[in-house]
Protein backbone atom coordinates (compact mmCIF):
# COMPACT_ATOMS: atom_id res chain seq x y z
CA MET A 1 93.52 111.46 87.29
CA PHE A 2 92.62 109.19 90.17
CA THR A 3 92.00 109.57 93.91
CA GLY A 4 93.55 106.44 95.38
CA ILE A 5 90.16 105.13 96.50
CA VAL A 6 90.20 101.56 95.23
CA ARG A 7 86.93 100.34 93.69
CA GLU A 8 87.72 96.63 93.92
CA ARG A 9 90.31 93.88 93.96
CA ALA A 10 90.51 92.11 90.62
CA ARG A 11 92.03 88.73 89.81
CA VAL A 12 94.86 88.63 87.30
CA ALA A 13 93.82 86.17 84.59
CA SER A 14 97.07 86.48 82.64
CA PHE A 15 100.11 88.62 81.98
CA ASP A 16 102.47 87.69 79.18
CA GLY A 17 104.86 90.62 79.62
CA GLY A 18 102.90 92.87 77.28
CA ARG A 19 99.19 92.19 77.74
CA LEU A 20 97.56 92.17 81.17
CA VAL A 21 94.09 90.64 81.52
CA VAL A 22 92.10 91.00 84.74
CA GLU A 23 88.78 89.51 85.78
CA THR A 24 86.63 92.19 87.33
CA GLY A 25 83.06 93.24 88.02
CA PHE A 26 84.08 96.79 87.13
CA ASP A 27 82.59 98.03 83.86
CA ALA A 28 84.95 99.96 81.61
CA GLY A 29 85.08 100.66 77.92
CA ILE A 30 87.87 100.58 75.37
CA GLY A 31 90.02 103.67 75.80
CA ASP A 32 89.12 104.21 79.47
CA SER A 33 91.93 104.89 81.93
CA VAL A 34 92.04 102.53 84.90
CA ALA A 35 94.53 102.47 87.76
CA VAL A 36 95.81 98.91 88.26
CA ASP A 37 97.89 98.68 91.45
CA GLY A 38 98.46 102.40 91.04
CA ILE A 39 99.52 102.22 87.37
CA CYS A 40 97.47 104.23 84.89
CA LEU A 41 96.62 101.82 82.06
CA THR A 42 94.29 102.10 79.06
CA VAL A 43 91.63 99.48 78.41
CA VAL A 44 92.27 97.88 74.99
CA LYS A 45 89.67 95.12 75.25
CA ALA A 46 86.60 94.72 77.46
CA ASP A 47 84.29 91.75 77.40
CA ASP A 48 82.63 89.15 79.57
CA GLY A 49 83.96 90.46 82.92
CA ARG A 50 87.52 90.85 81.64
CA LEU A 51 89.56 93.95 80.95
CA ALA A 52 92.75 93.84 78.90
CA PHE A 53 95.57 96.39 78.96
CA ASP A 54 98.75 96.71 76.93
CA VAL A 55 101.68 97.22 79.31
CA MET A 56 104.78 98.89 77.88
CA ARG A 57 108.34 97.74 78.73
CA GLU A 58 108.90 101.11 80.44
CA THR A 59 106.03 100.36 82.81
CA VAL A 60 107.27 96.82 83.54
CA ALA A 61 110.77 98.18 84.27
CA ARG A 62 109.51 100.84 86.72
CA THR A 63 106.90 98.87 88.65
CA LYS A 64 106.61 95.72 90.73
CA PRO A 65 105.47 92.47 89.09
CA PHE A 66 101.70 91.91 89.03
CA GLY A 67 100.45 89.55 91.72
CA THR A 68 97.42 87.27 91.60
CA GLU A 69 95.17 90.17 92.67
CA VAL A 70 95.39 93.88 91.85
CA ASN A 71 93.69 97.03 93.11
CA ILE A 72 91.38 98.63 90.52
CA GLU A 73 90.21 102.25 90.38
CA PRO A 74 88.44 104.00 87.51
CA SER A 75 89.57 107.47 86.51
CA LEU A 76 87.97 110.42 88.26
CA ARG A 77 85.05 111.94 86.38
CA ALA A 78 84.15 115.63 86.56
CA GLY A 79 81.78 116.27 89.44
CA GLU A 80 82.71 113.14 91.41
CA PRO A 81 83.91 113.60 94.99
CA LEU A 82 87.66 113.57 95.62
CA GLY A 83 87.84 111.08 98.48
CA GLY A 84 91.60 110.48 98.61
CA HIS A 85 94.16 112.81 97.04
CA TYR A 86 95.30 113.70 93.53
CA VAL A 87 96.84 110.56 92.05
CA GLN A 88 98.23 110.43 88.53
CA GLY A 89 98.86 106.72 88.19
CA HIS A 90 102.53 107.41 87.43
CA VAL A 91 104.58 105.19 89.74
CA ASP A 92 107.59 107.03 91.21
CA GLY A 93 109.34 103.96 92.52
CA VAL A 94 109.07 100.51 94.00
CA GLY A 95 109.20 100.12 97.77
CA VAL A 96 109.63 97.08 100.00
CA VAL A 97 107.47 96.19 103.01
CA ARG A 98 109.74 96.50 106.06
CA SER A 99 107.21 95.37 108.67
CA VAL A 100 103.51 94.89 109.37
CA GLU A 101 102.31 94.99 112.97
CA GLN A 102 98.86 94.73 114.51
CA GLU A 103 97.66 98.10 115.84
CA GLY A 104 94.24 97.92 117.46
CA GLU A 105 91.67 96.88 114.84
CA GLY A 106 94.09 97.77 112.03
CA LYS A 107 97.76 97.45 111.23
CA ARG A 108 100.82 99.69 111.01
CA ALA A 109 102.97 99.00 107.97
CA TRP A 110 106.48 100.32 107.34
CA PHE A 111 107.84 100.60 103.81
CA ASP A 112 111.41 101.15 102.69
CA ALA A 113 111.49 103.47 99.67
CA PRO A 114 114.08 104.82 97.23
CA ALA A 115 115.69 108.12 98.30
CA ASP A 116 114.09 109.95 95.35
CA VAL A 117 110.68 108.95 96.74
CA VAL A 118 111.40 109.63 100.43
CA ARG A 119 112.47 113.21 99.59
CA TYR A 120 108.86 114.08 98.65
CA LEU A 121 107.22 112.56 101.73
CA VAL A 122 106.04 114.49 104.78
CA GLU A 123 104.41 113.30 107.98
CA LYS A 124 100.62 113.55 107.67
CA GLY A 125 101.05 113.98 103.91
CA SER A 126 99.70 111.68 101.23
CA VAL A 127 101.31 108.71 99.51
CA THR A 128 99.91 106.06 97.20
CA VAL A 129 100.84 102.41 97.85
CA ASP A 130 99.70 99.97 95.15
CA GLY A 131 97.10 102.54 94.13
CA VAL A 132 95.73 103.12 97.64
CA SER A 133 95.69 106.70 98.98
CA LEU A 134 97.22 106.68 102.48
CA THR A 135 98.35 109.19 105.09
CA ILE A 136 101.96 109.02 106.24
CA ALA A 137 101.99 108.36 109.99
CA GLU A 138 105.76 108.39 110.51
CA LEU A 139 108.98 108.93 108.55
CA ASP A 140 112.61 107.95 108.89
CA ALA A 141 115.62 108.34 106.59
CA THR A 142 114.79 105.30 104.46
CA GLY A 143 111.03 104.98 104.52
CA PHE A 144 107.64 105.65 106.02
CA ALA A 145 104.83 104.10 108.04
CA VAL A 146 101.09 104.16 107.45
CA ALA A 147 98.14 103.10 109.57
CA LEU A 148 95.86 100.67 107.73
CA VAL A 149 92.26 100.66 108.94
CA GLN A 150 90.18 97.49 108.76
CA HIS A 151 88.28 98.67 105.66
CA THR A 152 91.53 99.21 103.73
CA LEU A 153 92.82 95.81 104.83
CA SER A 154 89.70 94.04 103.57
CA ALA A 155 88.93 96.13 100.45
CA THR A 156 92.45 96.24 98.96
CA THR A 157 95.41 93.96 98.43
CA LEU A 158 97.22 95.68 101.31
CA GLY A 159 95.52 93.26 103.71
CA ALA A 160 97.83 90.52 102.42
CA ILE A 161 101.19 92.34 102.41
CA ARG A 162 104.13 90.74 104.20
CA PRO A 163 107.68 91.89 104.96
CA GLY A 164 109.79 91.69 101.82
CA ASP A 165 106.86 92.26 99.42
CA ARG A 166 107.34 94.91 96.76
CA VAL A 167 104.83 97.75 96.29
CA ASN A 168 104.28 100.53 93.77
CA LEU A 169 104.72 104.01 95.24
CA GLU A 170 103.52 107.39 94.01
CA THR A 171 104.25 110.58 95.91
CA ASP A 172 101.97 113.58 96.05
CA VAL A 173 102.42 115.44 92.75
CA LEU A 174 102.07 118.81 94.52
CA ALA A 175 105.46 118.32 96.21
CA LYS A 176 107.09 117.89 92.80
CA TYR A 177 105.55 121.11 91.51
CA VAL A 178 106.73 123.01 94.59
CA GLU A 179 110.26 121.69 94.10
CA ARG A 180 110.22 122.70 90.43
CA LEU A 181 109.02 126.23 91.31
CA VAL A 182 111.66 126.64 94.01
CA HIS A 183 114.45 125.11 91.88
CA PRO A 184 113.45 125.77 88.24
CA ASP A 185 116.90 124.86 86.90
CA THR A 186 116.71 121.31 88.31
CA ILE A 187 115.48 118.66 85.91
């Protein structure tokens, strides 16, 4: 379980299609769960400022390619504050940046998303973009907009997004549970 509050940006040292290695100041041990651009991965090697993760073909097929930098968040520990929202690290789909516009000190970004992601979004609800917990500012039939404050722009990889970039999306898990309760015969 995560919160979508990114701890740091880490540099991707290598990714060979199966093993991801990131350079980070974040301390994690073997077996720890870490969200990497919103993907829950397990640390398989940790030494000298590097964390390694085995990435399954299923994960590669359902997520965007890793860039040169990734957002890193450790798993939530009992008793820690929940600063964002409940995030599982299970990417629901890949979206595409539609636009990024200056808005005061921050920016407003629009994302196009698959229909099976948009169906779970509500205005003023939560969404995770590349592991960052955000509030939906606006919706249309094919996507959503978020307001990115200056801290988010500087502390995460979202400060560098451009139209056409791909992003990992995770919807609020509570919406999925509500749907399942209302329509128990739907799988």
